[in-house]
Amino acid sequence: ISADYIDSRFLDNIDCNTERDDEILQELNGVMRTTSPKMYFGDSIPSPSYSYYYYPFLNALSGYDPTSARVLGTNENNRPDYIVLFSGRGRIYLHVAPRIFGNYFILTGENYKYFDNVISSLRPDPQNIYWDEYYKTAAPSRRSSGSNSGNNDFSTLSVIKKYPPLQWAFGISVAGLLLFIFFNSRRKQRIIPVVKPVQNTTLTFTQTVGRLYLQKKNNRRIAEKMITYFYEDVRNKYFVSTATIDDNLVNILSGKSGISAKKTRELFSIIKLVQSGVEIDDATLLTLSANIENFTKTSFNGRKAL
C-alpha cells in the first residue's frame, strides 16, 4: 500500500500509525526545496538518496512493533516512510510517499533506481496488482479526514441524514432562513405622517384684533379691520375681486359659497353702511361681526374647515 492517507481502522488493526502533519504544513505554506528520500539496507550498508525539487517528503510511520517489522526506506529526516510488516506467512508493505512513483520524481536523474529497489523487495511473481483511481473517485473529505468510510457517500448531507438531531437543526436553520428572506424581501415603507387639515384661522385672528381695539372703544377701527380681513378671506377662498361691490359680485359669491343671495346682500349692505362714515355704535359693530361670522361658518369652505 502506497498512499498519503491510510485508513485509520486498518492501521489500528496492525498497530501502526502515520505521521504527516509536517508535510501538510509545508504543502499549505507552499514551501518547496530539494528533498531526498532514501532506501535503507541496514546499518552496515550506506543508504542511497534520491533527490528532486518539490514539496519535501516528511511523512513517516510509527507505533509498529520493531520485532515484527523491517524498515526499507526513510524520508529526508531518516524517519521510516517504507516498512514491511510480517503477519503469519504474509507480508504487508506500507509506503507513505506515493509522489515518488510519479513521472516528475522517477525521470529526475537516476531516481528510477529507487523504484527498482522498491520492486526488488517484493515477491518476484505477484499474482495481483491493484491500481486505485484515488483522485478520480474519492471526495475531498476523504483526503482531509485521513480515513475511509468504506463507501462512496462522502457528502455533507449524507452525514446530516445519519443523525436525527442534525436533521432537526438543519431543517430549522433552513426554515428560519426562508422566513427571514420572505419577510425582508417585502418593500419597507416609511410610516406616512397624518397631515392635519388647514384650519380657518382668519376668524380667530379677526376676533383677536377686535378684542384689542374693543378695549380702546374704537369701533370704527375694529369694523375696518373686520371688513379688511373678510375681503382678504373672500379673495383667497373664492378667487373673486372685491374692488367693486355690486350685484354681480353678490351673485358670484353666493354661488361659490352656498350662502343665499339675500343673506350675502345683507352682509354687503352692512359693510357699505360702515364704510359710509356714519358713527358706529356697539349694536352696529355686533351686527357686522355676527354676519361675517355666520357667512364664514356656514359657507362651503367654512364647513370643510370645521
Protein backbone atom coordinates (compact mmCIF):
# COMPACT_ATOMS: atom_id res chain seq x y z
CA ILE A 1 0.00 0.00 0.00
CA SER A 2 1.45 3.34 -1.06
CA ALA A 3 -0.72 6.32 -0.04
CA ASP A 4 -0.63 9.66 1.69
CA TYR A 5 -3.61 8.62 3.79
CA ILE A 6 -4.12 5.09 5.03
CA ASP A 7 -7.38 4.07 6.67
CA SER A 8 -7.11 4.57 10.43
CA ARG A 9 -9.11 1.43 11.21
CA PHE A 10 -6.71 -0.62 9.12
CA LEU A 11 -3.73 0.92 10.91
CA ASP A 12 -5.31 0.18 14.29
CA ASN A 13 -5.61 -3.50 13.36
CA ILE A 14 -1.91 -3.74 12.53
CA ASP A 15 -0.78 -1.50 15.43
CA CYS A 16 0.77 1.19 13.25
CA ASN A 17 0.42 4.99 12.92
CA THR A 18 1.18 7.58 10.26
CA GLU A 19 2.74 10.98 10.87
CA ARG A 20 2.22 13.57 8.15
CA ASP A 21 1.50 16.86 9.95
CA ASP A 22 4.86 18.36 9.00
CA GLU A 23 4.36 17.55 5.32
CA ILE A 24 0.85 19.04 5.34
CA LEU A 25 2.17 22.30 6.81
CA GLN A 26 4.88 22.52 4.18
CA GLU A 27 2.33 21.98 1.39
CA LEU A 28 -0.10 24.53 2.83
CA ASN A 29 2.62 27.15 3.10
CA GLY A 30 3.84 26.37 -0.43
CA VAL A 31 7.38 25.60 0.74
CA MET A 32 9.41 23.74 -1.88
CA ARG A 33 13.01 22.65 -1.68
CA THR A 34 15.33 19.85 -2.68
CA THR A 35 14.15 16.73 -0.85
CA SER A 36 15.87 13.32 -0.71
CA PRO A 37 14.10 10.09 0.29
CA LYS A 38 16.36 7.11 0.91
CA MET A 39 16.38 3.35 0.65
CA TYR A 40 17.53 1.54 3.79
CA PHE A 41 19.58 -1.68 3.66
CA GLY A 42 20.77 -1.90 7.23
CA ASP A 43 23.28 -0.07 9.35
CA SER A 44 26.30 -1.63 7.59
CA ILE A 45 25.27 -0.51 4.10
CA PRO A 46 25.02 3.25 3.28
CA SER A 47 21.52 4.37 2.36
CA PRO A 48 21.42 5.78 -1.17
CA SER A 49 19.44 9.03 -1.52
CA TYR A 50 17.40 10.22 -4.49
CA SER A 51 16.67 13.93 -4.80
CA TYR A 52 14.34 16.28 -6.64
CA TYR A 53 12.98 19.80 -6.14
CA TYR A 54 9.41 19.81 -4.83
CA TYR A 55 7.48 19.61 -1.58
CA PRO A 56 9.58 17.69 0.94
CA PHE A 57 8.98 14.06 1.84
CA LEU A 58 8.20 14.23 5.56
CA ASN A 59 5.53 11.54 6.04
CA ALA A 60 6.59 8.80 8.43
CA LEU A 61 5.37 5.56 10.00
CA SER A 62 5.48 4.92 13.73
CA GLY A 63 3.99 2.85 16.55
CA TYR A 64 4.70 -0.53 14.94
CA ASP A 65 6.41 -3.43 16.67
CA PRO A 66 10.08 -3.40 15.52
CA THR A 67 10.36 -7.15 16.18
CA SER A 68 7.75 -7.91 13.52
CA ALA A 69 8.70 -5.21 11.01
CA ARG A 70 11.65 -4.03 8.98
CA VAL A 71 12.47 -0.56 7.65
CA LEU A 72 13.00 -0.44 3.89
CA GLY A 73 13.10 3.32 3.25
CA THR A 74 13.31 6.66 5.07
CA ASN A 75 12.47 10.29 4.39
CA GLU A 76 14.99 13.13 4.43
CA ASN A 77 14.85 13.20 8.25
CA ASN A 78 15.75 9.48 8.42
CA ARG A 79 12.24 8.67 9.65
CA PRO A 80 10.82 5.41 8.20
CA ASP A 81 8.41 6.01 5.32
CA TYR A 82 8.58 2.48 3.85
CA ILE A 83 8.31 -0.63 6.02
CA VAL A 84 7.30 -4.27 5.75
CA LEU A 85 5.20 -5.91 8.49
CA PHE A 86 5.33 -9.68 8.94
CA SER A 87 1.98 -11.25 9.75
CA GLY A 88 1.90 -15.04 9.84
CA ARG A 89 3.09 -16.23 6.46
CA GLY A 90 2.19 -12.94 4.82
CA ARG A 91 3.76 -9.51 4.49
CA ILE A 92 2.27 -6.03 4.46
CA TYR A 93 4.30 -3.33 2.74
CA LEU A 94 3.39 0.24 3.80
CA HIS A 95 4.70 3.24 1.88
CA VAL A 96 3.63 6.83 2.73
CA ALA A 97 5.37 8.77 -0.07
CA PRO A 98 3.33 7.95 -3.20
CA ARG A 99 4.63 11.02 -5.04
CA ILE A 100 7.84 9.07 -5.53
CA PHE A 101 6.11 6.95 -8.19
CA GLY A 102 5.15 9.96 -10.29
CA ASN A 103 6.93 10.87 -13.52
CA TYR A 104 8.41 14.05 -12.08
CA PHE A 105 10.42 12.13 -9.48
CA ILE A 106 11.19 8.97 -11.50
CA LEU A 107 12.53 10.92 -14.53
CA THR A 108 14.81 13.16 -12.44
CA GLY A 109 18.45 12.00 -12.51
CA GLU A 110 18.78 8.33 -11.56
CA ASN A 111 15.70 8.29 -9.35
CA TYR A 112 14.33 5.35 -11.34
CA LYS A 113 16.67 3.20 -9.24
CA TYR A 114 14.52 3.97 -6.21
CA PHE A 115 11.60 2.33 -7.99
CA ASP A 116 13.81 -0.67 -8.85
CA ASN A 117 14.76 -1.06 -5.18
CA VAL A 118 11.14 -0.91 -4.07
CA ILE A 119 10.11 -3.58 -6.58
CA SER A 120 13.07 -5.78 -5.68
CA SER A 121 11.84 -6.10 -2.12
CA LEU A 122 8.53 -7.60 -3.26
CA ARG A 123 7.78 -11.16 -4.34
CA PRO A 124 9.17 -11.86 -7.83
CA ASP A 125 5.82 -13.04 -9.18
CA PRO A 126 2.92 -11.10 -7.59
CA GLN A 127 -0.41 -12.63 -8.53
CA ASN A 128 -2.39 -9.36 -8.42
CA ILE A 129 -1.60 -5.66 -8.53
CA TYR A 130 -4.42 -3.21 -7.71
CA TRP A 131 -4.34 0.33 -9.01
CA ASP A 132 -6.76 2.52 -7.06
CA GLU A 133 -8.08 5.52 -9.02
CA TYR A 134 -7.82 7.52 -5.83
CA TYR A 135 -8.03 11.08 -7.12
CA LYS A 136 -10.83 10.30 -9.58
CA THR A 137 -13.32 8.62 -7.24
CA ALA A 138 -12.70 10.00 -3.75
CA ALA A 139 -14.24 13.19 -2.49
CA PRO A 140 -12.11 15.92 -0.87
CA SER A 141 -13.49 14.96 2.55
CA ARG A 142 -11.76 11.58 2.17
CA ARG A 143 -8.38 13.17 1.65
CA SER A 144 -8.85 15.63 4.51
CA SER A 145 -10.13 13.10 7.07
CA GLY A 146 -7.25 10.63 6.79
CA SER A 147 -9.69 7.70 6.85
CA ASN A 148 -12.10 5.92 4.57
CA SER A 149 -15.76 5.41 5.43
CA GLY A 150 -15.92 2.28 3.33
CA ASN A 151 -18.41 3.60 0.79
CA ASN A 152 -18.66 6.26 -1.89
CA ASP A 153 -21.01 8.58 0.01
CA PHE A 154 -18.90 11.47 1.31
CA SER A 155 -21.39 14.34 1.01
CA THR A 156 -22.18 16.67 3.90
CA LEU A 157 -25.91 15.98 3.64
CA SER A 158 -25.30 12.26 3.99
CA VAL A 159 -23.63 12.89 7.35
CA ILE A 160 -26.53 15.10 8.48
CA LYS A 161 -29.05 12.42 7.47
CA LYS A 162 -27.34 9.88 9.70
CA TYR A 163 -28.09 11.83 12.90
CA PRO A 164 -31.68 12.93 13.72
CA PRO A 165 -30.56 15.91 15.87
CA LEU A 166 -28.52 17.24 12.95
CA GLN A 167 -31.53 16.77 10.67
CA TRP A 168 -33.72 18.83 13.01
CA ALA A 169 -31.08 21.53 13.35
CA PHE A 170 -30.59 21.69 9.59
CA GLY A 171 -34.35 21.82 8.95
CA ILE A 172 -34.90 24.59 11.50
CA SER A 173 -32.00 26.58 10.06
CA VAL A 174 -33.35 26.32 6.51
CA ALA A 175 -36.89 27.24 7.64
CA GLY A 176 -35.58 30.24 9.59
CA LEU A 177 -33.54 31.39 6.61
CA LEU A 178 -36.58 31.14 4.30
CA LEU A 179 -38.75 33.09 6.75
CA PHE A 180 -36.08 35.77 7.05
CA ILE A 181 -35.85 36.11 3.27
CA PHE A 182 -39.65 36.19 2.91
CA PHE A 183 -40.30 38.92 5.47
CA ASN A 184 -37.31 41.03 4.48
CA SER A 185 -37.98 40.81 0.76
CA ARG A 186 -41.16 42.85 1.16
CA ARG A 187 -40.71 46.53 0.40
CA LYS A 188 -40.30 48.52 3.56
CA GLN A 189 -42.16 51.83 3.56
CA ARG A 190 -41.85 54.64 6.00
CA ILE A 191 -44.88 55.50 8.08
CA ILE A 192 -46.92 58.18 6.33
CA PRO A 193 -47.49 61.02 8.80
CA VAL A 194 -51.04 62.23 9.36
CA VAL A 195 -51.42 65.68 7.83
CA LYS A 196 -53.97 67.74 9.71
CA PRO A 197 -56.28 69.84 7.55
CA VAL A 198 -55.56 73.55 7.41
CA GLN A 199 -57.75 75.32 9.92
CA ASN A 200 -59.56 78.53 9.21
CA THR A 201 -57.59 80.97 11.36
CA THR A 202 -58.89 84.14 9.71
CA LEU A 203 -61.89 84.36 12.01
CA THR A 204 -59.76 83.70 15.09
CA PHE A 205 -57.26 86.35 14.05
CA THR A 206 -60.06 88.84 13.41
CA GLN A 207 -61.56 88.20 16.84
CA THR A 208 -58.21 88.69 18.48
CA VAL A 209 -57.60 92.01 16.72
CA GLY A 210 -61.18 93.01 17.54
CA ARG A 211 -60.67 92.47 21.22
CA LEU A 212 -57.57 94.64 21.07
CA TYR A 213 -59.50 97.61 19.61
CA LEU A 214 -62.54 96.89 21.76
CA GLN A 215 -60.54 97.60 24.83
CA LYS A 216 -59.85 101.10 23.44
CA LYS A 217 -63.52 101.64 22.42
CA ASN A 218 -62.53 102.31 18.78
CA ASN A 219 -65.49 100.70 16.97
CA ARG A 220 -64.56 102.11 13.55
CA ARG A 221 -61.05 100.64 13.60
CA ILE A 222 -62.50 97.32 14.69
CA ALA A 223 -65.08 97.37 11.89
CA GLU A 224 -62.50 98.33 9.25
CA LYS A 225 -60.17 95.53 10.30
CA MET A 226 -63.01 93.03 10.24
CA ILE A 227 -64.02 94.16 6.73
CA THR A 228 -60.40 94.09 5.51
CA TYR A 229 -59.80 90.51 6.68
CA PHE A 230 -63.20 89.42 5.36
CA TYR A 231 -62.37 90.76 1.90
CA GLU A 232 -58.98 89.02 2.01
CA ASP A 233 -60.67 85.77 3.02
CA VAL A 234 -63.12 86.08 0.10
CA ARG A 235 -60.32 86.69 -2.42
CA ASN A 236 -58.23 83.75 -1.17
CA LYS A 237 -61.07 81.23 -0.92
CA TYR A 238 -63.36 82.12 -3.80
CA PHE A 239 -60.94 83.88 -6.16
CA VAL A 240 -63.20 86.89 -6.77
CA SER A 241 -62.24 90.56 -6.81
CA THR A 242 -63.66 92.85 -4.10
CA ALA A 243 -62.64 96.07 -5.84
CA THR A 244 -66.24 96.73 -6.96
CA ILE A 245 -69.18 95.75 -4.76
CA ASP A 246 -72.26 95.25 -6.93
CA ASP A 247 -74.99 92.73 -7.66
CA ASN A 248 -72.67 90.71 -9.94
CA LEU A 249 -70.22 90.16 -7.06
CA VAL A 250 -73.11 89.22 -4.75
CA ASN A 251 -74.40 86.61 -7.19
CA ILE A 252 -70.96 85.09 -7.87
CA LEU A 253 -70.05 84.93 -4.17
CA SER A 254 -73.43 83.46 -3.27
CA GLY A 255 -72.99 80.70 -5.85
CA LYS A 256 -69.46 79.83 -4.74
CA SER A 257 -70.10 79.98 -1.00
CA GLY A 258 -73.51 78.35 -0.87
CA ILE A 259 -74.95 81.30 1.09
CA SER A 260 -78.23 82.65 -0.19
CA ALA A 261 -78.12 85.85 -2.24
CA LYS A 262 -80.37 87.57 0.34
CA LYS A 263 -78.00 86.99 3.27
CA THR A 264 -75.00 87.85 1.13
CA ARG A 265 -76.65 91.14 0.08
CA GLU A 266 -77.48 91.95 3.73
CA LEU A 267 -73.83 91.43 4.69
CA PHE A 268 -72.57 93.78 1.99
CA SER A 269 -75.25 96.34 2.94
CA ILE A 270 -73.91 96.49 6.50
CA ILE A 271 -70.35 96.75 5.12
CA LYS A 272 -71.47 99.64 2.87
CA LEU A 273 -73.07 101.32 5.87
CA VAL A 274 -69.87 101.09 7.89
CA GLN A 275 -67.79 102.42 5.00
CA SER A 276 -70.15 105.39 4.52
CA GLY A 277 -68.61 107.14 7.52
CA VAL A 278 -71.56 107.12 9.91
CA GLU A 279 -70.98 106.76 13.63
CA ILE A 280 -70.60 103.06 14.50
CA ASP A 281 -72.19 102.11 17.77
CA ASP A 282 -71.83 98.80 19.57
CA ALA A 283 -75.00 97.38 18.07
CA THR A 284 -73.85 98.05 14.50
CA LEU A 285 -70.42 96.52 15.27
CA LEU A 286 -72.03 93.40 16.76
CA THR A 287 -74.34 93.08 13.74
CA LEU A 288 -71.35 93.28 11.36
CA SER A 289 -69.40 90.73 13.40
CA ALA A 290 -72.34 88.33 13.57
CA ASN A 291 -72.97 88.48 9.81
CA ILE A 292 -69.30 87.94 8.92
CA GLU A 293 -69.03 85.06 11.38
CA ASN A 294 -72.24 83.46 10.11
CA PHE A 295 -71.08 83.78 6.48
CA THR A 296 -67.68 82.26 7.28
CA LYS A 297 -69.01 79.31 9.28
CA THR A 298 -71.94 78.35 7.01
CA SER A 299 -70.15 78.66 3.65
CA PHE A 300 -68.82 75.63 1.77
CA ASN A 301 -65.21 76.34 2.78
CA GLY A 302 -66.24 77.10 6.33
CA ARG A 303 -67.98 73.75 6.72
CA LYS A 304 -64.93 71.89 5.37
CA ALA A 305 -62.65 73.70 7.81
CA LEU A 306 -64.91 72.93 10.74
